[in-house]
Amino acid sequence: MKRFFLVMLAVAALLVPTVGSAQGLILVYRHELRGMVAVPAPHAPSETKVVETVAPTPEEVIARHEAMAVGLRVNANARGGAAVATDHCDRLIATAREAIRKSF
């Protein structure tokens, strides 16, 4: 019986760390959740994915900022306030239209 117990103890000592690290999770206590939360383990820099960002086209910039400027102006008028400074949107719309004009 002692041999069986020692063999099982050795097997458990060898398998528990292997199974635990195979999960790739770290348990962290979060007080606002009142419990342990599984968090992915950090990966080596070679395993990180490179995310390529694609710049929006001038048409997308125009559509987004025209909608934003209209929304800002409507909200300002609904509250009875003065015209909202939409210089940012107007400047980007003008720049995008100039880029479209130059591309043709």
N, C-alpha and C. Protein backbone atom coordinates (compact mmCIF):
# COMPACT_ATOMS: atom_id res chain seq x y z
N MET A 1 0.82 -1.19 0.00
CA MET A 1 0.00 0.00 0.00
C MET A 1 0.87 1.26 0.00
N LYS A 2 2.00 1.19 0.73
CA LYS A 2 2.88 2.35 0.77
C LYS A 2 3.48 2.63 -0.61
N ARG A 3 3.83 1.55 -1.32
CA ARG A 3 4.42 1.73 -2.65
C ARG A 3 3.41 2.38 -3.60
N PHE A 4 2.19 1.89 -3.56
CA PHE A 4 1.14 2.45 -4.41
C PHE A 4 0.95 3.94 -4.12
N PHE A 5 0.90 4.30 -2.86
CA PHE A 5 0.73 5.71 -2.47
C PHE A 5 1.91 6.55 -2.97
N LEU A 6 3.13 6.05 -2.82
CA LEU A 6 4.30 6.80 -3.26
C LEU A 6 4.33 6.95 -4.79
N VAL A 7 3.93 5.91 -5.49
CA VAL A 7 3.88 5.99 -6.95
C VAL A 7 2.82 7.01 -7.38
N MET A 8 1.66 6.99 -6.79
CA MET A 8 0.61 7.95 -7.13
C MET A 8 1.03 9.38 -6.78
N LEU A 9 1.73 9.54 -5.68
CA LEU A 9 2.22 10.86 -5.29
C LEU A 9 3.24 11.38 -6.30
N ALA A 10 4.12 10.50 -6.78
CA ALA A 10 5.11 10.90 -7.80
C ALA A 10 4.42 11.25 -9.12
N VAL A 11 3.44 10.47 -9.51
CA VAL A 11 2.70 10.74 -10.74
C VAL A 11 1.98 12.08 -10.63
N ALA A 12 1.34 12.34 -9.52
CA ALA A 12 0.64 13.61 -9.34
C ALA A 12 1.62 14.77 -9.34
N ALA A 13 2.78 14.59 -8.71
CA ALA A 13 3.77 15.67 -8.67
C ALA A 13 4.29 15.99 -10.06
N LEU A 14 4.36 14.99 -10.94
CA LEU A 14 4.83 15.23 -12.30
C LEU A 14 3.74 15.76 -13.22
N LEU A 15 2.50 15.34 -13.03
CA LEU A 15 1.43 15.72 -13.95
C LEU A 15 0.76 17.04 -13.62
N VAL A 16 0.67 17.40 -12.37
CA VAL A 16 -0.05 18.62 -11.99
C VAL A 16 0.57 19.87 -12.61
N PRO A 17 1.89 20.08 -12.54
CA PRO A 17 2.43 21.27 -13.20
C PRO A 17 2.27 21.25 -14.71
N THR A 18 2.36 20.07 -15.30
CA THR A 18 2.21 19.96 -16.75
C THR A 18 0.80 20.31 -17.18
N VAL A 19 -0.18 19.80 -16.49
CA VAL A 19 -1.58 20.09 -16.83
C VAL A 19 -1.89 21.56 -16.55
N GLY A 20 -1.36 22.08 -15.47
CA GLY A 20 -1.61 23.49 -15.14
C GLY A 20 -1.03 24.44 -16.15
N SER A 21 0.19 24.18 -16.61
CA SER A 21 0.81 25.09 -17.59
C SER A 21 0.22 24.89 -18.97
N ALA A 22 -0.34 23.72 -19.24
CA ALA A 22 -0.94 23.47 -20.54
C ALA A 22 -2.20 24.30 -20.73
N GLN A 23 -2.83 24.69 -19.66
CA GLN A 23 -4.05 25.49 -19.76
C GLN A 23 -3.74 26.89 -20.27
N GLY A 24 -2.56 27.42 -19.98
CA GLY A 24 -2.20 28.77 -20.42
C GLY A 24 -2.96 29.86 -19.71
N LEU A 25 -3.46 29.58 -18.53
CA LEU A 25 -4.24 30.56 -17.79
C LEU A 25 -3.60 30.84 -16.44
N ILE A 26 -3.80 32.05 -15.99
CA ILE A 26 -3.38 32.45 -14.66
C ILE A 26 -4.63 32.89 -13.91
N LEU A 27 -4.78 32.42 -12.69
CA LEU A 27 -5.94 32.82 -11.90
C LEU A 27 -5.59 34.04 -11.06
N VAL A 28 -6.41 35.07 -11.14
CA VAL A 28 -6.19 36.32 -10.44
C VAL A 28 -7.44 36.64 -9.63
N TYR A 29 -7.25 37.06 -8.40
CA TYR A 29 -8.40 37.43 -7.58
C TYR A 29 -8.81 38.86 -7.90
N ARG A 30 -10.09 39.05 -8.22
CA ARG A 30 -10.64 40.38 -8.49
C ARG A 30 -11.63 40.68 -7.40
N HIS A 31 -11.34 41.72 -6.60
CA HIS A 31 -12.20 42.01 -5.46
C HIS A 31 -13.60 42.46 -5.87
N GLU A 32 -13.73 43.15 -7.04
CA GLU A 32 -15.06 43.59 -7.44
C GLU A 32 -15.93 42.42 -7.89
N LEU A 33 -15.30 41.33 -8.32
CA LEU A 33 -16.06 40.15 -8.71
C LEU A 33 -16.17 39.13 -7.58
N ARG A 34 -15.43 39.38 -6.53
CA ARG A 34 -15.40 38.51 -5.35
C ARG A 34 -15.04 37.08 -5.71
N GLY A 35 -14.03 36.93 -6.51
CA GLY A 35 -13.61 35.58 -6.87
C GLY A 35 -12.41 35.58 -7.79
N MET A 36 -12.01 34.39 -8.16
CA MET A 36 -10.87 34.21 -9.03
C MET A 36 -11.33 34.31 -10.49
N VAL A 37 -10.50 34.96 -11.31
CA VAL A 37 -10.80 35.14 -12.71
C VAL A 37 -9.63 34.60 -13.51
N ALA A 38 -9.90 33.84 -14.55
CA ALA A 38 -8.84 33.30 -15.40
C ALA A 38 -8.37 34.39 -16.36
N VAL A 39 -7.05 34.57 -16.42
CA VAL A 39 -6.43 35.57 -17.28
C VAL A 39 -5.45 34.84 -18.18
N PRO A 40 -5.42 35.13 -19.48
CA PRO A 40 -4.46 34.45 -20.34
C PRO A 40 -3.03 34.78 -19.93
N ALA A 41 -2.16 33.80 -20.04
CA ALA A 41 -0.76 34.00 -19.69
C ALA A 41 -0.10 34.88 -20.75
N PRO A 42 0.84 35.71 -20.34
CA PRO A 42 1.54 36.53 -21.34
C PRO A 42 2.38 35.64 -22.24
N HIS A 43 2.42 36.00 -23.50
CA HIS A 43 3.17 35.21 -24.48
C HIS A 43 4.52 35.85 -24.75
N ALA A 44 5.39 35.07 -25.30
CA ALA A 44 6.70 35.58 -25.69
C ALA A 44 6.52 36.56 -26.84
N PRO A 45 7.43 37.51 -27.00
CA PRO A 45 7.29 38.49 -28.09
C PRO A 45 7.23 37.85 -29.47
N SER A 46 7.84 36.70 -29.64
CA SER A 46 7.81 36.05 -30.95
C SER A 46 6.44 35.50 -31.29
N GLU A 47 5.61 35.29 -30.28
CA GLU A 47 4.29 34.73 -30.51
C GLU A 47 3.20 35.79 -30.70
N THR A 48 3.54 37.05 -30.51
CA THR A 48 2.53 38.09 -30.63
C THR A 48 2.17 38.31 -32.09
N LYS A 49 0.93 38.64 -32.31
CA LYS A 49 0.47 38.88 -33.67
C LYS A 49 0.68 40.34 -34.03
N VAL A 50 1.09 40.57 -35.24
CA VAL A 50 1.26 41.93 -35.73
C VAL A 50 -0.03 42.34 -36.40
N VAL A 51 -0.62 43.39 -35.91
CA VAL A 51 -1.88 43.87 -36.46
C VAL A 51 -1.56 45.00 -37.43
N GLU A 52 -1.96 44.80 -38.66
CA GLU A 52 -1.73 45.84 -39.66
C GLU A 52 -2.90 46.80 -39.65
N THR A 53 -2.59 48.07 -39.51
CA THR A 53 -3.66 49.07 -39.54
C THR A 53 -3.78 49.61 -40.96
N VAL A 54 -4.98 49.76 -41.38
CA VAL A 54 -5.26 50.27 -42.71
C VAL A 54 -5.81 51.68 -42.56
N ALA A 55 -5.19 52.63 -43.24
CA ALA A 55 -5.65 54.01 -43.18
C ALA A 55 -7.00 54.11 -43.89
N PRO A 56 -7.91 54.88 -43.33
CA PRO A 56 -9.21 55.03 -43.98
C PRO A 56 -9.07 55.80 -45.30
N THR A 57 -9.91 55.45 -46.24
CA THR A 57 -9.90 56.15 -47.52
C THR A 57 -10.48 57.55 -47.32
N PRO A 58 -10.18 58.46 -48.24
CA PRO A 58 -10.75 59.81 -48.11
C PRO A 58 -12.28 59.81 -48.09
N GLU A 59 -12.90 58.88 -48.82
CA GLU A 59 -14.36 58.80 -48.81
C GLU A 59 -14.88 58.42 -47.42
N GLU A 60 -14.18 57.51 -46.75
CA GLU A 60 -14.58 57.12 -45.40
C GLU A 60 -14.40 58.28 -44.42
N VAL A 61 -13.31 59.03 -44.58
CA VAL A 61 -13.07 60.19 -43.71
C VAL A 61 -14.18 61.22 -43.90
N ILE A 62 -14.53 61.48 -45.15
CA ILE A 62 -15.59 62.46 -45.43
C ILE A 62 -16.91 62.01 -44.82
N ALA A 63 -17.28 60.76 -45.04
CA ALA A 63 -18.56 60.25 -44.52
C ALA A 63 -18.60 60.33 -43.00
N ARG A 64 -17.52 59.93 -42.35
CA ARG A 64 -17.52 59.93 -40.89
C ARG A 64 -17.60 61.34 -40.32
N HIS A 65 -16.80 62.25 -40.85
CA HIS A 65 -16.74 63.58 -40.26
C HIS A 65 -17.91 64.47 -40.67
N GLU A 66 -18.51 64.21 -41.82
CA GLU A 66 -19.74 64.95 -42.15
C GLU A 66 -20.85 64.56 -41.17
N ALA A 67 -20.98 63.27 -40.90
CA ALA A 67 -22.00 62.82 -39.95
C ALA A 67 -21.72 63.37 -38.56
N MET A 68 -20.45 63.39 -38.18
CA MET A 68 -20.10 63.90 -36.85
C MET A 68 -20.42 65.39 -36.74
N ALA A 69 -20.09 66.16 -37.78
CA ALA A 69 -20.34 67.60 -37.75
C ALA A 69 -21.84 67.89 -37.71
N VAL A 70 -22.63 67.15 -38.49
CA VAL A 70 -24.07 67.36 -38.50
C VAL A 70 -24.65 67.04 -37.12
N GLY A 71 -24.19 65.95 -36.52
CA GLY A 71 -24.67 65.59 -35.19
C GLY A 71 -24.34 66.63 -34.15
N LEU A 72 -23.13 67.17 -34.21
CA LEU A 72 -22.74 68.21 -33.26
C LEU A 72 -23.58 69.47 -33.44
N ARG A 73 -23.82 69.84 -34.69
CA ARG A 73 -24.60 71.06 -34.94
C ARG A 73 -26.06 70.89 -34.53
N VAL A 74 -26.63 69.72 -34.79
CA VAL A 74 -28.03 69.47 -34.42
C VAL A 74 -28.17 69.50 -32.91
N ASN A 75 -27.25 68.86 -32.19
CA ASN A 75 -27.33 68.85 -30.73
C ASN A 75 -27.17 70.24 -30.15
N ALA A 76 -26.30 71.05 -30.75
CA ALA A 76 -26.12 72.40 -30.25
C ALA A 76 -27.38 73.23 -30.48
N ASN A 77 -28.02 73.08 -31.62
CA ASN A 77 -29.24 73.83 -31.91
C ASN A 77 -30.40 73.35 -31.05
N ALA A 78 -30.47 72.07 -30.76
CA ALA A 78 -31.55 71.54 -29.95
C ALA A 78 -31.47 72.06 -28.52
N ARG A 79 -30.28 72.31 -28.05
CA ARG A 79 -30.11 72.83 -26.69
C ARG A 79 -30.15 74.35 -26.65
N GLY A 80 -30.31 74.96 -27.80
CA GLY A 80 -30.39 76.42 -27.84
C GLY A 80 -29.03 77.08 -27.69
N GLY A 81 -27.98 76.32 -27.90
CA GLY A 81 -26.64 76.88 -27.75
C GLY A 81 -26.15 77.47 -29.06
N ALA A 82 -25.01 78.09 -28.98
CA ALA A 82 -24.40 78.66 -30.18
C ALA A 82 -23.84 77.53 -31.04
N ALA A 83 -23.39 77.89 -32.21
CA ALA A 83 -22.81 76.90 -33.12
C ALA A 83 -21.59 76.27 -32.47
N VAL A 84 -21.52 74.97 -32.55
CA VAL A 84 -20.41 74.23 -31.95
C VAL A 84 -19.22 74.32 -32.89
N ALA A 85 -18.06 74.43 -32.30
CA ALA A 85 -16.84 74.49 -33.10
C ALA A 85 -16.59 73.13 -33.72
N THR A 86 -16.84 73.04 -35.03
CA THR A 86 -16.60 71.80 -35.76
C THR A 86 -15.42 71.99 -36.70
N ASP A 87 -14.45 72.79 -36.26
CA ASP A 87 -13.29 73.06 -37.09
C ASP A 87 -12.54 71.78 -37.44
N HIS A 88 -12.46 70.87 -36.49
CA HIS A 88 -11.75 69.61 -36.72
C HIS A 88 -12.38 68.85 -37.89
N CYS A 89 -13.69 68.71 -37.84
CA CYS A 89 -14.39 67.96 -38.89
C CYS A 89 -14.29 68.68 -40.23
N ASP A 90 -14.49 69.99 -40.21
CA ASP A 90 -14.43 70.75 -41.46
C ASP A 90 -13.04 70.69 -42.08
N ARG A 91 -12.02 70.75 -41.24
CA ARG A 91 -10.64 70.68 -41.75
C ARG A 91 -10.34 69.32 -42.36
N LEU A 92 -10.76 68.24 -41.71
CA LEU A 92 -10.51 66.91 -42.25
C LEU A 92 -11.32 66.65 -43.52
N ILE A 93 -12.52 67.17 -43.59
CA ILE A 93 -13.33 67.01 -44.80
C ILE A 93 -12.66 67.73 -45.96
N ALA A 94 -12.18 68.93 -45.71
CA ALA A 94 -11.51 69.69 -46.77
C ALA A 94 -10.23 68.98 -47.22
N THR A 95 -9.47 68.46 -46.28
CA THR A 95 -8.23 67.75 -46.62
C THR A 95 -8.54 66.50 -47.44
N ALA A 96 -9.58 65.75 -47.07
CA ALA A 96 -9.94 64.54 -47.80
C ALA A 96 -10.44 64.87 -49.20
N ARG A 97 -11.23 65.93 -49.32
CA ARG A 97 -11.70 66.33 -50.66
C ARG A 97 -10.55 66.78 -51.54
N GLU A 98 -9.57 67.44 -50.95
CA GLU A 98 -8.38 67.85 -51.70
C GLU A 98 -7.59 66.62 -52.14
N ALA A 99 -7.51 65.61 -51.31
CA ALA A 99 -6.79 64.38 -51.68
C ALA A 99 -7.51 63.65 -52.81
N ILE A 100 -8.85 63.66 -52.79
CA ILE A 100 -9.61 63.04 -53.87
C ILE A 100 -9.40 63.82 -55.16
N ARG A 101 -9.42 65.15 -55.06
CA ARG A 101 -9.24 65.98 -56.25
C ARG A 101 -7.86 65.76 -56.86
N LYS A 102 -6.84 65.63 -56.02
CA LYS A 102 -5.48 65.42 -56.53
C LYS A 102 -5.28 64.03 -57.12
N SER A 103 -6.06 63.05 -56.67
CA SER A 103 -5.88 61.69 -57.16
C SER A 103 -6.44 61.52 -58.57
N PHE A 104 -7.35 62.43 -59.00
CA PHE A 104 -7.91 62.33 -60.35
C PHE A 104 -7.17 63.17 -61.27
